[in-house]
Amino acid sequence: MLIPHPILGSRDAREFIYLGDVRLLDRPDTTRPDAEQSFCDYVFLRDNPAGVHRELWFHEQGDRSWLVVTRNTITHEILGAELARDVALARKRSGQ
């Protein structure tokens, strides 16, 4: 499986480590009254979707960048990849 790295071009998926759902970019606020429950949910509750899904991948054996990869979990087809920092910045700008 090849991942289209936005800077380095197509890279073998074996260079990467899969972390999980892209929502992991949305780390809970530690100052909120429900912080303990929020962190519990953040760490332990994960979806296991079938179909198109956005995921975090770490380029461990390369430039050590974090990517948001859009992948079909049924066919394993990679539909695209973006730098995670760009996704996080866009989310901040849009207020998500």
C-alpha atoms as a PDB file:
ATOM      1  CA  MET A   1       0.000   0.000   0.000  1.00  0.00           C
ATOM      2  CA  LEU A   2       1.397   3.393  -0.993  1.00  0.00           C
ATOM      3  CA  ILE A   3       0.671   6.570   0.939  1.00  0.00           C
ATOM      4  CA  PRO A   4       0.859   9.825  -1.093  1.00  0.00           C
ATOM      5  CA  HIS A   5       2.996  11.917   1.246  1.00  0.00           C
ATOM      6  CA  PRO A   6       2.293  15.600   0.456  1.00  0.00           C
ATOM      7  CA  ILE A   7       5.997  16.516   0.595  1.00  0.00           C
ATOM      8  CA  LEU A   8       7.900  13.322  -0.295  1.00  0.00           C
ATOM      9  CA  GLY A   9       5.542  11.716  -2.823  1.00  0.00           C
ATOM     10  CA  SER A  10       4.401   8.085  -2.709  1.00  0.00           C
ATOM     11  CA  ARG A  11       5.843   6.146   0.241  1.00  0.00           C
ATOM     12  CA  ASP A  12       5.411   2.517   1.281  1.00  0.00           C
ATOM     13  CA  ALA A  13       2.948   2.163   4.171  1.00  0.00           C
ATOM     14  CA  ARG A  14       5.559   0.099   6.052  1.00  0.00           C
ATOM     15  CA  GLU A  15       7.444   3.370   6.687  1.00  0.00           C
ATOM     16  CA  PHE A  16       4.497   4.590   8.787  1.00  0.00           C
ATOM     17  CA  ILE A  17       2.831   3.767  12.081  1.00  0.00           C
ATOM     18  CA  TYR A  18      -0.958   3.938  12.257  1.00  0.00           C
ATOM     19  CA  LEU A  19      -2.292   5.788  15.311  1.00  0.00           C
ATOM     20  CA  GLY A  20      -6.056   5.953  14.878  1.00  0.00           C
ATOM     21  CA  ASP A  21      -8.956   8.216  14.076  1.00  0.00           C
ATOM     22  CA  VAL A  22      -8.184  11.817  13.089  1.00  0.00           C
ATOM     23  CA  ARG A  23     -10.319  13.025  16.000  1.00  0.00           C
ATOM     24  CA  LEU A  24      -7.256  12.349  18.162  1.00  0.00           C
ATOM     25  CA  LEU A  25      -6.107  15.793  16.993  1.00  0.00           C
ATOM     26  CA  ASP A  26      -8.898  17.189  19.181  1.00  0.00           C
ATOM     27  CA  ARG A  27      -7.280  16.648  22.577  1.00  0.00           C
ATOM     28  CA  PRO A  28      -9.699  17.444  25.448  1.00  0.00           C
ATOM     29  CA  ASP A  29      -9.312  20.617  27.495  1.00  0.00           C
ATOM     30  CA  THR A  30      -7.732  19.754  30.868  1.00  0.00           C
ATOM     31  CA  THR A  31      -9.329  22.751  32.589  1.00  0.00           C
ATOM     32  CA  ARG A  32     -12.923  21.678  32.015  1.00  0.00           C
ATOM     33  CA  PRO A  33     -14.884  20.179  34.915  1.00  0.00           C
ATOM     34  CA  ASP A  34     -15.454  16.962  32.932  1.00  0.00           C
ATOM     35  CA  ALA A  35     -11.763  16.615  31.966  1.00  0.00           C
ATOM     36  CA  GLU A  36     -11.315  13.182  33.543  1.00  0.00           C
ATOM     37  CA  GLN A  37     -14.249  11.657  31.670  1.00  0.00           C
ATOM     38  CA  SER A  38     -13.275  13.461  28.469  1.00  0.00           C
ATOM     39  CA  PHE A  39      -9.749  12.031  28.613  1.00  0.00           C
ATOM     40  CA  CYS A  40     -11.070   8.568  29.384  1.00  0.00           C
ATOM     41  CA  ASP A  41     -13.277   8.748  26.289  1.00  0.00           C
ATOM     42  CA  TYR A  42     -10.442  10.267  24.232  1.00  0.00           C
ATOM     43  CA  VAL A  43      -8.025   7.459  25.109  1.00  0.00           C
ATOM     44  CA  PHE A  44     -10.255   4.387  25.245  1.00  0.00           C
ATOM     45  CA  LEU A  45     -13.338   4.898  23.066  1.00  0.00           C
ATOM     46  CA  ARG A  46     -12.589   4.382  19.393  1.00  0.00           C
ATOM     47  CA  ASP A  47     -14.809   3.791  16.391  1.00  0.00           C
ATOM     48  CA  ASN A  48     -14.124   0.963  13.969  1.00  0.00           C
ATOM     49  CA  PRO A  49     -15.761   2.243  10.781  1.00  0.00           C
ATOM     50  CA  ALA A  50     -16.272   0.395   7.531  1.00  0.00           C
ATOM     51  CA  GLY A  51     -15.714   2.583   4.480  1.00  0.00           C
ATOM     52  CA  VAL A  52     -14.023   5.945   3.976  1.00  0.00           C
ATOM     53  CA  HIS A  53     -12.251   7.085   7.125  1.00  0.00           C
ATOM     54  CA  ARG A  54      -9.683   9.759   8.080  1.00  0.00           C
ATOM     55  CA  GLU A  55      -6.744   8.452  10.126  1.00  0.00           C
ATOM     56  CA  LEU A  56      -3.505   9.634  11.719  1.00  0.00           C
ATOM     57  CA  TRP A  57      -0.289   8.056  10.462  1.00  0.00           C
ATOM     58  CA  PHE A  58       3.256   8.823  11.672  1.00  0.00           C
ATOM     59  CA  HIS A  59       6.125   8.668   9.141  1.00  0.00           C
ATOM     60  CA  GLU A  60       8.502   6.918  11.510  1.00  0.00           C
ATOM     61  CA  GLN A  61      11.016   5.723   8.928  1.00  0.00           C
ATOM     62  CA  GLY A  62      11.108   8.967   7.010  1.00  0.00           C
ATOM     63  CA  ASP A  63      10.753  12.629   7.840  1.00  0.00           C
ATOM     64  CA  ARG A  64       8.859  11.881  11.122  1.00  0.00           C
ATOM     65  CA  SER A  65       5.834  13.876  10.021  1.00  0.00           C
ATOM     66  CA  TRP A  66       2.241  13.235  11.041  1.00  0.00           C
ATOM     67  CA  LEU A  67      -0.265  12.750   8.223  1.00  0.00           C
ATOM     68  CA  VAL A  68      -4.033  12.631   8.012  1.00  0.00           C
ATOM     69  CA  VAL A  69      -4.694   9.823   5.548  1.00  0.00           C
ATOM     70  CA  THR A  70      -8.121   9.319   3.985  1.00  0.00           C
ATOM     71  CA  ARG A  71      -8.535   5.593   3.411  1.00  0.00           C
ATOM     72  CA  ASN A  72     -11.302   3.160   2.575  1.00  0.00           C
ATOM     73  CA  THR A  73     -11.100   0.604   5.391  1.00  0.00           C
ATOM     74  CA  ILE A  74     -12.884  -2.029   3.285  1.00  0.00           C
ATOM     75  CA  THR A  75     -10.678  -1.897   0.184  1.00  0.00           C
ATOM     76  CA  HIS A  76      -7.597  -0.244   1.797  1.00  0.00           C
ATOM     77  CA  GLU A  77      -7.578   2.249  -1.084  1.00  0.00           C
ATOM     78  CA  ILE A  78      -5.774   5.451  -0.103  1.00  0.00           C
ATOM     79  CA  LEU A  79      -7.805   8.438  -1.265  1.00  0.00           C
ATOM     80  CA  GLY A  80      -5.433  11.177  -0.114  1.00  0.00           C
ATOM     81  CA  ALA A  81      -3.082  12.464   2.565  1.00  0.00           C
ATOM     82  CA  GLU A  82      -2.450  15.839   4.208  1.00  0.00           C
ATOM     83  CA  LEU A  83      -0.008  17.069   6.802  1.00  0.00           C
ATOM     84  CA  ALA A  84      -1.694  16.800  10.203  1.00  0.00           C
ATOM     85  CA  ARG A  85      -0.492  20.268  11.196  1.00  0.00           C
ATOM     86  CA  ASP A  86      -2.329  21.755   8.189  1.00  0.00           C
ATOM     87  CA  VAL A  87      -5.513  19.913   9.147  1.00  0.00           C
ATOM     88  CA  ALA A  88      -5.223  21.084  12.772  1.00  0.00           C
ATOM     89  CA  LEU A  89      -4.652  24.698  11.703  1.00  0.00           C
ATOM     90  CA  ALA A  90      -7.647  24.596   9.342  1.00  0.00           C
ATOM     91  CA  ARG A  91      -9.813  23.222  12.155  1.00  0.00           C
ATOM     92  CA  LYS A  92      -8.732  26.055  14.474  1.00  0.00           C
ATOM     93  CA  ARG A  93      -9.487  28.652  11.829  1.00  0.00           C
ATOM     94  CA  SER A  94     -12.957  27.232  11.181  1.00  0.00           C
ATOM     95  CA  GLY A  95     -13.726  26.934  14.902  1.00  0.00           C
ATOM     96  CA  GLN A  96     -14.115  23.141  14.985  1.00  0.00           C
END
